[in-house]
Amino acid sequence: MSSSNSHSSDKRYAYREFGDDNSAATARPTPELPPKQQNIRIQATRAGRKGKTVTVITGFQAKPETLTDLVKKLKTQCGTGGTVKDNEIEIQGDHKQKILEILTNLGYKAKISGG
């Protein structure tokens, strides 16, 4: 009885083109580019945030773990909260200049965009 339960799924197929379920192999990997090759945009916005200003940093081509470490550094340096959403970093408040300095010191090519 335990030998029949050893299969990860009880689905039966007459034909499968790719064999076992290799969803991890077919998922697209996130390219991890060095900081010098990334074009980062820093922008302060209030859109959709009930009038609260948020500094949004976009253009990252990095793994989620890298962004999590980076947002932790930025939150500590700015003394405020923040998060990672959809490969973008959001820092509470208007900290464009400070974030620009921090990112350039870390080796990123960063620019302030928007007003």
PDB file of N, CA and C in Angstrom:
ATOM      1  N   MET A   1       0.818  -1.188   0.000  1.00  0.00           N
ATOM      2  CA  MET A   1       0.000   0.000   0.000  1.00  0.00           C
ATOM      3  C   MET A   1       0.865   1.256   0.000  1.00  0.00           C
ATOM      4  N   SER A   2       1.971   1.244   0.735  1.00  0.00           N
ATOM      5  CA  SER A   2       2.814   2.435   0.786  1.00  0.00           C
ATOM      6  C   SER A   2       3.523   2.677  -0.545  1.00  0.00           C
ATOM      7  N   SER A   3       3.729   1.629  -1.355  1.00  0.00           N
ATOM      8  CA  SER A   3       4.397   1.828  -2.634  1.00  0.00           C
ATOM      9  C   SER A   3       3.515   2.597  -3.612  1.00  0.00           C
ATOM     10  N   SER A   4       2.193   2.427  -3.516  1.00  0.00           N
ATOM     11  CA  SER A   4       1.308   3.173  -4.413  1.00  0.00           C
ATOM     12  C   SER A   4       1.196   4.631  -3.993  1.00  0.00           C
ATOM     13  N   ASN A   5       1.464   4.940  -2.726  1.00  0.00           N
ATOM     14  CA  ASN A   5       1.409   6.315  -2.252  1.00  0.00           C
ATOM     15  C   ASN A   5       2.719   7.056  -2.472  1.00  0.00           C
ATOM     16  N   SER A   6       3.741   6.382  -2.971  1.00  0.00           N
ATOM     17  CA  SER A   6       5.036   7.024  -3.147  1.00  0.00           C
ATOM     18  C   SER A   6       5.057   7.981  -4.336  1.00  0.00           C
ATOM     19  N   HIS A   7       4.096   7.858  -5.258  1.00  0.00           N
ATOM     20  CA  HIS A   7       4.039   8.780  -6.396  1.00  0.00           C
ATOM     21  C   HIS A   7       3.549  10.139  -5.922  1.00  0.00           C
ATOM     22  N   SER A   8       4.151  11.208  -6.454  1.00  0.00           N
ATOM     23  CA  SER A   8       3.785  12.552  -6.022  1.00  0.00           C
ATOM     24  C   SER A   8       2.400  12.942  -6.493  1.00  0.00           C
ATOM     25  N   SER A   9       1.929  12.366  -7.597  1.00  0.00           N
ATOM     26  CA  SER A   9       0.577  12.664  -8.061  1.00  0.00           C
ATOM     27  C   SER A   9      -0.027  11.394  -8.648  1.00  0.00           C
ATOM     28  N   ASP A  10      -1.320  11.285  -8.502  1.00  0.00           N
ATOM     29  CA  ASP A  10      -2.020  10.101  -8.995  1.00  0.00           C
ATOM     30  C   ASP A  10      -2.629  10.339 -10.366  1.00  0.00           C
ATOM     31  N   LYS A  11      -2.192  11.375 -11.080  1.00  0.00           N
ATOM     32  CA  LYS A  11      -2.730  11.666 -12.405  1.00  0.00           C
ATOM     33  C   LYS A  11      -2.207  10.633 -13.391  1.00  0.00           C
ATOM     34  N   ARG A  12      -3.068  10.190 -14.271  1.00  0.00           N
ATOM     35  CA  ARG A  12      -2.653   9.213 -15.277  1.00  0.00           C
ATOM     36  C   ARG A  12      -2.796   9.855 -16.646  1.00  0.00           C
ATOM     37  N   TYR A  13      -1.757   9.745 -17.444  1.00  0.00           N
ATOM     38  CA  TYR A  13      -1.735  10.359 -18.754  1.00  0.00           C
ATOM     39  C   TYR A  13      -1.527   9.284 -19.820  1.00  0.00           C
ATOM     40  N   ALA A  14      -2.215   9.446 -20.942  1.00  0.00           N
ATOM     41  CA  ALA A  14      -1.976   8.568 -22.077  1.00  0.00           C
ATOM     42  C   ALA A  14      -0.730   9.032 -22.824  1.00  0.00           C
ATOM     43  N   TYR A  15      -0.524  10.363 -22.881  1.00  0.00           N
ATOM     44  CA  TYR A  15       0.630  10.922 -23.570  1.00  0.00           C
ATOM     45  C   TYR A  15       0.993  12.248 -22.926  1.00  0.00           C
ATOM     46  N   ARG A  16       2.277  12.430 -22.637  1.00  0.00           N
ATOM     47  CA  ARG A  16       2.775  13.718 -22.143  1.00  0.00           C
ATOM     48  C   ARG A  16       4.053  14.037 -22.879  1.00  0.00           C
ATOM     49  N   GLU A  17       4.097  15.211 -23.444  1.00  0.00           N
ATOM     50  CA  GLU A  17       5.233  15.578 -24.279  1.00  0.00           C
ATOM     51  C   GLU A  17       6.520  15.762 -23.479  1.00  0.00           C
ATOM     52  N   PHE A  18       6.427  16.297 -22.272  1.00  0.00           N
ATOM     53  CA  PHE A  18       7.630  16.643 -21.537  1.00  0.00           C
ATOM     54  C   PHE A  18       7.892  15.758 -20.332  1.00  0.00           C
ATOM     55  N   GLY A  19       7.267  14.614 -20.218  1.00  0.00           N
ATOM     56  CA  GLY A  19       7.563  13.699 -19.118  1.00  0.00           C
ATOM     57  C   GLY A  19       7.037  14.209 -17.798  1.00  0.00           C
ATOM     58  N   ASP A  20       7.870  14.124 -16.761  1.00  0.00           N
ATOM     59  CA  ASP A  20       7.471  14.540 -15.425  1.00  0.00           C
ATOM     60  C   ASP A  20       7.194  16.032 -15.378  1.00  0.00           C
ATOM     61  N   ASP A  21       6.500  16.438 -14.327  1.00  0.00           N
ATOM     62  CA  ASP A  21       6.176  17.849 -14.157  1.00  0.00           C
ATOM     63  C   ASP A  21       7.435  18.607 -13.766  1.00  0.00           C
ATOM     64  N   ASN A  22       7.999  19.328 -14.713  1.00  0.00           N
ATOM     65  CA  ASN A  22       9.214  20.108 -14.472  1.00  0.00           C
ATOM     66  C   ASN A  22       8.899  21.594 -14.489  1.00  0.00           C
ATOM     67  N   SER A  23       7.905  21.991 -13.692  1.00  0.00           N
ATOM     68  CA  SER A  23       7.510  23.394 -13.702  1.00  0.00           C
ATOM     69  C   SER A  23       8.661  24.298 -13.247  1.00  0.00           C
ATOM     70  N   ALA A  24       9.504  23.799 -12.372  1.00  0.00           N
ATOM     71  CA  ALA A  24      10.654  24.599 -11.943  1.00  0.00           C
ATOM     72  C   ALA A  24      11.639  24.797 -13.092  1.00  0.00           C
ATOM     73  N   ALA A  25      11.747  23.798 -13.962  1.00  0.00           N
ATOM     74  CA  ALA A  25      12.682  23.893 -15.081  1.00  0.00           C
ATOM     75  C   ALA A  25      12.135  24.796 -16.191  1.00  0.00           C
ATOM     76  N   THR A  26      10.817  24.839 -16.360  1.00  0.00           N
ATOM     77  CA  THR A  26      10.239  25.644 -17.427  1.00  0.00           C
ATOM     78  C   THR A  26       9.956  27.081 -16.988  1.00  0.00           C
ATOM     79  N   ALA A  27      10.015  27.367 -15.694  1.00  0.00           N
ATOM     80  CA  ALA A  27       9.795  28.738 -15.222  1.00  0.00           C
ATOM     81  C   ALA A  27      10.972  29.599 -15.669  1.00  0.00           C
ATOM     82  N   ARG A  28      10.660  30.843 -16.031  1.00  0.00           N
ATOM     83  CA  ARG A  28      11.720  31.738 -16.492  1.00  0.00           C
ATOM     84  C   ARG A  28      12.519  32.251 -15.308  1.00  0.00           C
ATOM     85  N   PRO A  29      13.831  32.117 -15.365  1.00  0.00           N
ATOM     86  CA  PRO A  29      14.640  32.628 -14.262  1.00  0.00           C
ATOM     87  C   PRO A  29      14.752  34.149 -14.335  1.00  0.00           C
ATOM     88  N   THR A  30      14.887  34.771 -13.176  1.00  0.00           N
ATOM     89  CA  THR A  30      15.088  36.211 -13.136  1.00  0.00           C
ATOM     90  C   THR A  30      16.564  36.480 -13.381  1.00  0.00           C
ATOM     91  N   PRO A  31      16.905  37.254 -14.428  1.00  0.00           N
ATOM     92  CA  PRO A  31      18.323  37.513 -14.681  1.00  0.00           C
ATOM     93  C   PRO A  31      18.904  38.403 -13.588  1.00  0.00           C
ATOM     94  N   GLU A  32      20.042  38.020 -13.074  1.00  0.00           N
ATOM     95  CA  GLU A  32      20.723  38.790 -12.035  1.00  0.00           C
ATOM     96  C   GLU A  32      21.855  39.566 -12.709  1.00  0.00           C
ATOM     97  N   LEU A  33      21.595  40.832 -13.013  1.00  0.00           N
ATOM     98  CA  LEU A  33      22.605  41.673 -13.652  1.00  0.00           C
ATOM     99  C   LEU A  33      23.425  42.385 -12.585  1.00  0.00           C
ATOM    100  N   PRO A  34      24.693  42.653 -12.857  1.00  0.00           N
ATOM    101  CA  PRO A  34      25.483  43.446 -11.913  1.00  0.00           C
ATOM    102  C   PRO A  34      24.920  44.870 -11.812  1.00  0.00           C
ATOM    103  N   PRO A  35      25.117  45.534 -10.678  1.00  0.00           N
ATOM    104  CA  PRO A  35      24.545  46.876 -10.481  1.00  0.00           C
ATOM    105  C   PRO A  35      24.905  47.875 -11.579  1.00  0.00           C
ATOM    106  N   LYS A  36      26.124  47.807 -12.127  1.00  0.00           N
ATOM    107  CA  LYS A  36      26.545  48.773 -13.157  1.00  0.00           C
ATOM    108  C   LYS A  36      25.720  48.659 -14.435  1.00  0.00           C
ATOM    109  N   GLN A  37      25.130  47.479 -14.706  1.00  0.00           N
ATOM    110  CA  GLN A  37      24.379  47.267 -15.942  1.00  0.00           C
ATOM    111  C   GLN A  37      22.882  47.529 -15.790  1.00  0.00           C
ATOM    112  N   GLN A  38      22.444  47.910 -14.616  1.00  0.00           N
ATOM    113  CA  GLN A  38      21.018  48.146 -14.393  1.00  0.00           C
ATOM    114  C   GLN A  38      20.717  49.633 -14.468  1.00  0.00           C
ATOM    115  N   ASN A  39      19.638  49.983 -15.146  1.00  0.00           N
ATOM    116  CA  ASN A  39      19.194  51.371 -15.238  1.00  0.00           C
ATOM    117  C   ASN A  39      18.030  51.574 -14.280  1.00  0.00           C
ATOM    118  N   ILE A  40      18.315  52.203 -13.157  1.00  0.00           N
ATOM    119  CA  ILE A  40      17.339  52.365 -12.092  1.00  0.00           C
ATOM    120  C   ILE A  40      16.711  53.751 -12.191  1.00  0.00           C
ATOM    121  N   ARG A  41      15.398  53.811 -12.030  1.00  0.00           N
ATOM    122  CA  ARG A  41      14.654  55.073 -12.025  1.00  0.00           C
ATOM    123  C   ARG A  41      14.057  55.300 -10.641  1.00  0.00           C
ATOM    124  N   ILE A  42      14.230  56.512 -10.128  1.00  0.00           N
ATOM    125  CA  ILE A  42      13.704  56.884  -8.822  1.00  0.00           C
ATOM    126  C   ILE A  42      12.655  57.965  -9.040  1.00  0.00           C
ATOM    127  N   GLN A  43      11.463  57.767  -8.470  1.00  0.00           N
ATOM    128  CA  GLN A  43      10.369  58.689  -8.711  1.00  0.00           C
ATOM    129  C   GLN A  43       9.495  58.772  -7.465  1.00  0.00           C
ATOM    130  N   ALA A  44       9.105  59.983  -7.090  1.00  0.00           N
ATOM    131  CA  ALA A  44       8.163  60.173  -5.982  1.00  0.00           C
ATOM    132  C   ALA A  44       6.766  60.303  -6.577  1.00  0.00           C
ATOM    133  N   THR A  45       5.816  59.589  -6.003  1.00  0.00           N
ATOM    134  CA  THR A  45       4.455  59.607  -6.529  1.00  0.00           C
ATOM    135  C   THR A  45       3.451  59.534  -5.392  1.00  0.00           C
ATOM    136  N   ARG A  46       2.238  60.010  -5.684  1.00  0.00           N
ATOM    137  CA  ARG A  46       1.132  59.918  -4.737  1.00  0.00           C
ATOM    138  C   ARG A  46      -0.043  59.157  -5.323  1.00  0.00           C
ATOM    139  N   ALA A  47       0.083  58.737  -6.565  1.00  0.00           N
ATOM    140  CA  ALA A  47      -1.036  58.125  -7.285  1.00  0.00           C
ATOM    141  C   ALA A  47      -1.511  56.850  -6.594  1.00  0.00           C
ATOM    142  N   GLY A  48      -2.792  56.807  -6.281  1.00  0.00           N
ATOM    143  CA  GLY A  48      -3.402  55.618  -5.706  1.00  0.00           C
ATOM    144  C   GLY A  48      -2.983  55.323  -4.282  1.00  0.00           C
ATOM    145  N   ARG A  49      -2.478  56.335  -3.564  1.00  0.00           N
ATOM    146  CA  ARG A  49      -2.009  56.099  -2.195  1.00  0.00           C
ATOM    147  C   ARG A  49      -2.642  57.059  -1.204  1.00  0.00           C
ATOM    148  N   LYS A  50      -3.834  57.534  -1.521  1.00  0.00           N
ATOM    149  CA  LYS A  50      -4.617  58.410  -0.636  1.00  0.00           C
ATOM    150  C   LYS A  50      -3.837  59.655  -0.221  1.00  0.00           C
ATOM    151  N   GLY A  51      -3.087  60.236  -1.155  1.00  0.00           N
ATOM    152  CA  GLY A  51      -2.369  61.481  -0.897  1.00  0.00           C
ATOM    153  C   GLY A  51      -1.029  61.327  -0.212  1.00  0.00           C
ATOM    154  N   LYS A  52      -0.647  60.126   0.147  1.00  0.00           N
ATOM    155  CA  LYS A  52       0.648  59.911   0.802  1.00  0.00           C
ATOM    156  C   LYS A  52       1.742  59.768  -0.257  1.00  0.00           C
ATOM    157  N   THR A  53       2.869  60.434  -0.040  1.00  0.00           N
ATOM    158  CA  THR A  53       3.976  60.372  -0.993  1.00  0.00           C
ATOM    159  C   THR A  53       4.796  59.112  -0.755  1.00  0.00           C
ATOM    160  N   VAL A  54       5.122  58.441  -1.858  1.00  0.00           N
ATOM    161  CA  VAL A  54       5.931  57.227  -1.820  1.00  0.00           C
ATOM    162  C   VAL A  54       7.009  57.360  -2.883  1.00  0.00           C
ATOM    163  N   THR A  55       8.246  57.005  -2.549  1.00  0.00           N
ATOM    164  CA  THR A  55       9.333  56.986  -3.517  1.00  0.00           C
ATOM    165  C   THR A  55       9.393  55.589  -4.125  1.00  0.00           C
ATOM    166  N   VAL A  56       9.204  55.510  -5.458  1.00  0.00           N
ATOM    167  CA  VAL A  56       9.180  54.232  -6.162  1.00  0.00           C
ATOM    168  C   VAL A  56      10.480  54.096  -6.951  1.00  0.00           C
ATOM    169  N   ILE A  57      11.139  52.959  -6.788  1.00  0.00           N
ATOM    170  CA  ILE A  57      12.401  52.687  -7.476  1.00  0.00           C
ATOM    171  C   ILE A  57      12.161  51.519  -8.413  1.00  0.00           C
ATOM    172  N   THR A  58      12.328  51.755  -9.724  1.00  0.00           N
ATOM    173  CA  THR A  58      12.019  50.733 -10.722  1.00  0.00           C
ATOM    174  C   THR A  58      13.256  50.429 -11.576  1.00  0.00           C
ATOM    175  N   GLY A  59      13.151  49.371 -12.377  1.00  0.00           N
ATOM    176  CA  GLY A  59      14.203  49.030 -13.322  1.00  0.00           C
ATOM    177  C   GLY A  59      15.138  47.949 -12.842  1.00  0.00           C
ATOM    178  N   PHE A  60      14.813  47.301 -11.742  1.00  0.00           N
ATOM    179  CA  PHE A  60      15.696  46.263 -11.208  1.00  0.00           C
ATOM    180  C   PHE A  60      15.596  44.995 -12.033  1.00  0.00           C
ATOM    181  N   GLN A  61      16.724  44.365 -12.252  1.00  0.00           N
ATOM    182  CA  GLN A  61      16.788  43.036 -12.847  1.00  0.00           C
ATOM    183  C   GLN A  61      17.602  42.195 -11.881  1.00  0.00           C
ATOM    184  N   ALA A  62      16.941  41.815 -10.799  1.00  0.00           N
ATOM    185  CA  ALA A  62      17.618  41.091  -9.732  1.00  0.00           C
ATOM    186  C   ALA A  62      16.664  40.092  -9.107  1.00  0.00           C
ATOM    187  N   LYS A  63      17.228  39.181  -8.352  1.00  0.00           N
ATOM    188  CA  LYS A  63      16.428  38.172  -7.660  1.00  0.00           C
ATOM    189  C   LYS A  63      15.689  38.812  -6.486  1.00  0.00           C
ATOM    190  N   PRO A  64      14.578  38.227  -6.087  1.00  0.00           N
ATOM    191  CA  PRO A  64      13.816  38.790  -4.955  1.00  0.00           C
ATOM    192  C   PRO A  64      14.642  38.903  -3.673  1.00  0.00           C
ATOM    193  N   GLU A  65      15.578  37.968  -3.450  1.00  0.00           N
ATOM    194  CA  GLU A  65      16.401  38.031  -2.242  1.00  0.00           C
ATOM    195  C   GLU A  65      17.286  39.281  -2.255  1.00  0.00           C
ATOM    196  N   THR A  66      17.815  39.615  -3.432  1.00  0.00           N
ATOM    197  CA  THR A  66      18.660  40.804  -3.565  1.00  0.00           C
ATOM    198  C   THR A  66      17.850  42.062  -3.280  1.00  0.00           C
ATOM    199  N   LEU A  67      16.620  42.116  -3.819  1.00  0.00           N
ATOM    200  CA  LEU A  67      15.763  43.284  -3.590  1.00  0.00           C
ATOM    201  C   LEU A  67      15.372  43.388  -2.119  1.00  0.00           C
ATOM    202  N   THR A  68      15.148  42.266  -1.465  1.00  0.00           N
ATOM    203  CA  THR A  68      14.789  42.288  -0.042  1.00  0.00           C
ATOM    204  C   THR A  68      15.931  42.855   0.790  1.00  0.00           C
ATOM    205  N   ASP A  69      17.163  42.452   0.477  1.00  0.00           N
ATOM    206  CA  ASP A  69      18.326  42.991   1.193  1.00  0.00           C
ATOM    207  C   ASP A  69      18.480  44.482   0.928  1.00  0.00           C
ATOM    208  N   LEU A  70      18.262  44.885  -0.330  1.00  0.00           N
ATOM    209  CA  LEU A  70      18.415  46.287  -0.700  1.00  0.00           C
ATOM    210  C   LEU A  70      17.353  47.160  -0.027  1.00  0.00           C
ATOM    211  N   VAL A  71      16.105  46.690  -0.003  1.00  0.00           N
ATOM    212  CA  VAL A  71      15.046  47.490   0.631  1.00  0.00           C
ATOM    213  C   VAL A  71      15.301  47.620   2.131  1.00  0.00           C
ATOM    214  N   LYS A  72      15.907  46.610   2.731  1.00  0.00           N
ATOM    215  CA  LYS A  72      16.233  46.686   4.154  1.00  0.00           C
ATOM    216  C   LYS A  72      17.262  47.790   4.403  1.00  0.00           C
ATOM    217  N   LYS A  73      18.291  47.874   3.522  1.00  0.00           N
ATOM    218  CA  LYS A  73      19.306  48.930   3.644  1.00  0.00           C
ATOM    219  C   LYS A  73      18.679  50.306   3.466  1.00  0.00           C
ATOM    220  N   LEU A  74      17.824  50.445   2.430  1.00  0.00           N
ATOM    221  CA  LEU A  74      17.217  51.742   2.142  1.00  0.00           C
ATOM    222  C   LEU A  74      16.299  52.190   3.276  1.00  0.00           C
ATOM    223  N   LYS A  75      15.539  51.274   3.828  1.00  0.00           N
ATOM    224  CA  LYS A  75      14.642  51.620   4.936  1.00  0.00           C
ATOM    225  C   LYS A  75      15.440  52.085   6.147  1.00  0.00           C
ATOM    226  N   THR A  76      16.556  51.422   6.407  1.00  0.00           N
ATOM    227  CA  THR A  76      17.397  51.802   7.540  1.00  0.00           C
ATOM    228  C   THR A  76      18.007  53.180   7.322  1.00  0.00           C
ATOM    229  N   GLN A  77      18.523  53.429   6.110  1.00  0.00           N
ATOM    230  CA  GLN A  77      19.170  54.715   5.804  1.00  0.00           C
ATOM    231  C   GLN A  77      18.172  55.873   5.820  1.00  0.00           C
ATOM    232  N   CYS A  78      16.953  55.628   5.332  1.00  0.00           N
ATOM    233  CA  CYS A  78      15.948  56.693   5.264  1.00  0.00           C
ATOM    234  C   CYS A  78      15.147  56.812   6.558  1.00  0.00           C
ATOM    235  N   GLY A  79      15.228  55.815   7.422  1.00  0.00           N
ATOM    236  CA  GLY A  79      14.500  55.859   8.678  1.00  0.00           C
ATOM    237  C   GLY A  79      13.001  55.775   8.489  1.00  0.00           C
ATOM    238  N   THR A  80      12.560  54.963   7.538  1.00  0.00           N
ATOM    239  CA  THR A  80      11.133  54.865   7.240  1.00  0.00           C
ATOM    240  C   THR A  80      10.801  53.460   6.769  1.00  0.00           C
ATOM    241  N   GLY A  81       9.536  53.219   6.470  1.00  0.00           N
ATOM    242  CA  GLY A  81       9.099  51.905   6.012  1.00  0.00           C
ATOM    243  C   GLY A  81       9.199  51.773   4.509  1.00  0.00           C
ATOM    244  N   GLY A  82       9.036  50.554   4.033  1.00  0.00           N
ATOM    245  CA  GLY A  82       9.076  50.301   2.600  1.00  0.00           C
ATOM    246  C   GLY A  82       8.791  48.851   2.316  1.00  0.00           C
ATOM    247  N   THR A  83       8.660  48.534   1.023  1.00  0.00           N
ATOM    248  CA  THR A  83       8.348  47.170   0.620  1.00  0.00           C
ATOM    249  C   THR A  83       8.826  46.909  -0.797  1.00  0.00           C
ATOM    250  N   VAL A  84       8.795  45.639  -1.191  1.00  0.00           N
ATOM    251  CA  VAL A  84       9.084  45.231  -2.561  1.00  0.00           C
ATOM    252  C   VAL A  84       7.782  44.746  -3.169  1.00  0.00           C
ATOM    253  N   LYS A  85       7.372  45.344  -4.304  1.00  0.00           N
ATOM    254  CA  LYS A  85       6.161  44.930  -5.014  1.00  0.00           C
ATOM    255  C   LYS A  85       6.467  44.825  -6.498  1.00  0.00           C
ATOM    256  N   ASP A  86       6.204  43.681  -7.092  1.00  0.00           N
ATOM    257  CA  ASP A  86       6.350  43.489  -8.539  1.00  0.00           C
ATOM    258  C   ASP A  86       7.707  43.952  -9.060  1.00  0.00           C
ATOM    259  N   ASN A  87       8.774  43.546  -8.396  1.00  0.00           N
ATOM    260  CA  ASN A  87      10.145  43.891  -8.803  1.00  0.00           C
ATOM    261  C   ASN A  87      10.415  45.398  -8.722  1.00  0.00           C
ATOM    262  N   GLU A  88       9.657  46.100  -7.904  1.00  0.00           N
ATOM    263  CA  GLU A  88       9.870  47.522  -7.636  1.00  0.00           C
ATOM    264  C   GLU A  88      10.004  47.698  -6.132  1.00  0.00           C
ATOM    265  N   ILE A  89      10.759  48.717  -5.733  1.00  0.00           N
ATOM    266  CA  ILE A  89      10.891  49.030  -4.314  1.00  0.00           C
ATOM    267  C   ILE A  89      10.096  50.298  -4.037  1.00  0.00           C
ATOM    268  N   GLU A  90       9.293  50.276  -2.978  1.00  0.00           N
ATOM    269  CA  GLU A  90       8.536  51.449  -2.548  1.00  0.00           C
ATOM    270  C   GLU A  90       9.021  51.839  -1.160  1.00  0.00           C
ATOM    271  N   ILE A  91       9.438  53.096  -1.023  1.00  0.00           N
ATOM    272  CA  ILE A  91       9.885  53.635   0.266  1.00  0.00           C
ATOM    273  C   ILE A  91       8.928  54.758   0.646  1.00  0.00           C
ATOM    274  N   GLN A  92       8.431  54.736   1.872  1.00  0.00           N
ATOM    275  CA  GLN A  92       7.471  55.750   2.314  1.00  0.00           C
ATOM    276  C   GLN A  92       8.140  57.104   2.410  1.00  0.00           C
ATOM    277  N   GLY A  93       7.475  58.135   1.884  1.00  0.00           N
ATOM    278  CA  GLY A  93       7.986  59.497   1.936  1.00  0.00           C
ATOM    279  C   GLY A  93       8.772  59.854   0.682  1.00  0.00           C
ATOM    280  N   ASP A  94       9.159  61.134   0.595  1.00  0.00           N
ATOM    281  CA  ASP A  94       9.916  61.633  -0.553  1.00  0.00           C
ATOM    282  C   ASP A  94      11.402  61.625  -0.204  1.00  0.00           C
ATOM    283  N   HIS A  95      12.111  60.593  -0.653  1.00  0.00           N
ATOM    284  CA  HIS A  95      13.536  60.428  -0.342  1.00  0.00           C
ATOM    285  C   HIS A  95      14.353  60.257  -1.617  1.00  0.00           C
ATOM    286  N   LYS A  96      13.978  60.971  -2.687  1.00  0.00           N
ATOM    287  CA  LYS A  96      14.638  60.775  -3.985  1.00  0.00           C
ATOM    288  C   LYS A  96      16.147  61.005  -3.907  1.00  0.00           C
ATOM    289  N   GLN A  97      16.560  62.140  -3.366  1.00  0.00           N
ATOM    290  CA  GLN A  97      17.989  62.483  -3.339  1.00  0.00           C
ATOM    291  C   GLN A  97      18.791  61.503  -2.496  1.00  0.00           C
ATOM    292  N   LYS A  98      18.262  61.177  -1.331  1.00  0.00           N
ATOM    293  CA  LYS A  98      18.977  60.273  -0.431  1.00  0.00           C
ATOM    294  C   LYS A  98      19.126  58.888  -1.058  1.00  0.00           C
ATOM    295  N   ILE A  99      18.064  58.382  -1.685  1.00  0.00           N
ATOM    296  CA  ILE A  99      18.102  57.065  -2.322  1.00  0.00           C
ATOM    297  C   ILE A  99      19.052  57.078  -3.517  1.00  0.00           C
ATOM    298  N   LEU A 100      19.074  58.198  -4.263  1.00  0.00           N
ATOM    299  CA  LEU A 100      19.999  58.325  -5.387  1.00  0.00           C
ATOM    300  C   LEU A 100      21.446  58.198  -4.898  1.00  0.00           C
ATOM    301  N   GLU A 101      21.780  58.877  -3.811  1.00  0.00           N
ATOM    302  CA  GLU A 101      23.132  58.799  -3.252  1.00  0.00           C
ATOM    303  C   GLU A 101      23.457  57.374  -2.805  1.00  0.00           C
ATOM    304  N   ILE A 102      22.534  56.736  -2.118  1.00  0.00           N
ATOM    305  CA  ILE A 102      22.774  55.380  -1.603  1.00  0.00           C
ATOM    306  C   ILE A 102      22.999  54.410  -2.756  1.00  0.00           C
ATOM    307  N   LEU A 103      22.123  54.460  -3.780  1.00  0.00           N
ATOM    308  CA  LEU A 103      22.234  53.527  -4.900  1.00  0.00           C
ATOM    309  C   LEU A 103      23.510  53.750  -5.712  1.00  0.00           C
ATOM    310  N   THR A 104      23.896  55.012  -5.921  1.00  0.00           N
ATOM    311  CA  THR A 104      25.127  55.265  -6.667  1.00  0.00           C
ATOM    312  C   THR A 104      26.346  54.800  -5.866  1.00  0.00           C
ATOM    313  N   ASN A 105      26.312  54.929  -4.544  1.00  0.00           N
ATOM    314  CA  ASN A 105      27.410  54.422  -3.700  1.00  0.00           C
ATOM    315  C   ASN A 105      27.487  52.899  -3.749  1.00  0.00           C
ATOM    316  N   LEU A 106      26.330  52.238  -3.971  1.00  0.00           N
ATOM    317  CA  LEU A 106      26.320  50.779  -4.098  1.00  0.00           C
ATOM    318  C   LEU A 106      26.691  50.315  -5.497  1.00  0.00           C
ATOM    319  N   GLY A 107      26.869  51.261  -6.429  1.00  0.00           N
ATOM    320  CA  GLY A 107      27.323  50.916  -7.770  1.00  0.00           C
ATOM    321  C   GLY A 107      26.223  50.861  -8.831  1.00  0.00           C
ATOM    322  N   TYR A 108      24.995  51.254  -8.491  1.00  0.00           N
ATOM    323  CA  TYR A 108      23.899  51.234  -9.463  1.00  0.00           C
ATOM    324  C   TYR A 108      23.933  52.486 -10.316  1.00  0.00           C
ATOM    325  N   LYS A 109      23.476  52.351 -11.577  1.00  0.00           N
ATOM    326  CA  LYS A 109      23.274  53.522 -12.431  1.00  0.00           C
ATOM    327  C   LYS A 109      21.850  53.996 -12.186  1.00  0.00           C
ATOM    328  N   ALA A 110      21.692  55.045 -11.403  1.00  0.00           N
ATOM    329  CA  ALA A 110      20.359  55.498 -11.011  1.00  0.00           C
ATOM    330  C   ALA A 110      20.132  56.932 -11.460  1.00  0.00           C
ATOM    331  N   LYS A 111      18.876  57.235 -11.816  1.00  0.00           N
ATOM    332  CA  LYS A 111      18.466  58.577 -12.208  1.00  0.00           C
ATOM    333  C   LYS A 111      17.140  58.896 -11.539  1.00  0.00           C
ATOM    334  N   ILE A 112      16.928  60.182 -11.282  1.00  0.00           N
ATOM    335  CA  ILE A 112      15.631  60.637 -10.777  1.00  0.00           C
ATOM    336  C   ILE A 112      14.773  60.956 -12.003  1.00  0.00           C
ATOM    337  N   SER A 113      13.581  60.374 -12.054  1.00  0.00           N
ATOM    338  CA  SER A 113      12.694  60.652 -13.181  1.00  0.00           C
ATOM    339  C   SER A 113      11.414  61.285 -12.651  1.00  0.00           C
ATOM    340  N   GLY A 114      10.755  62.036 -13.493  1.00  0.00           N
ATOM    341  CA  GLY A 114       9.518  62.692 -13.097  1.00  0.00           C
ATOM    342  C   GLY A 114       9.796  63.963 -12.321  1.00  0.00           C
ATOM    343  N   GLY A 115       8.721  64.638 -11.924  1.00  0.00           N
ATOM    344  CA  GLY A 115       8.844  65.908 -11.227  1.00  0.00           C
ATOM    345  C   GLY A 115       9.168  65.717  -9.818  1.00  0.00           C
TER     346      GLY A 115
END
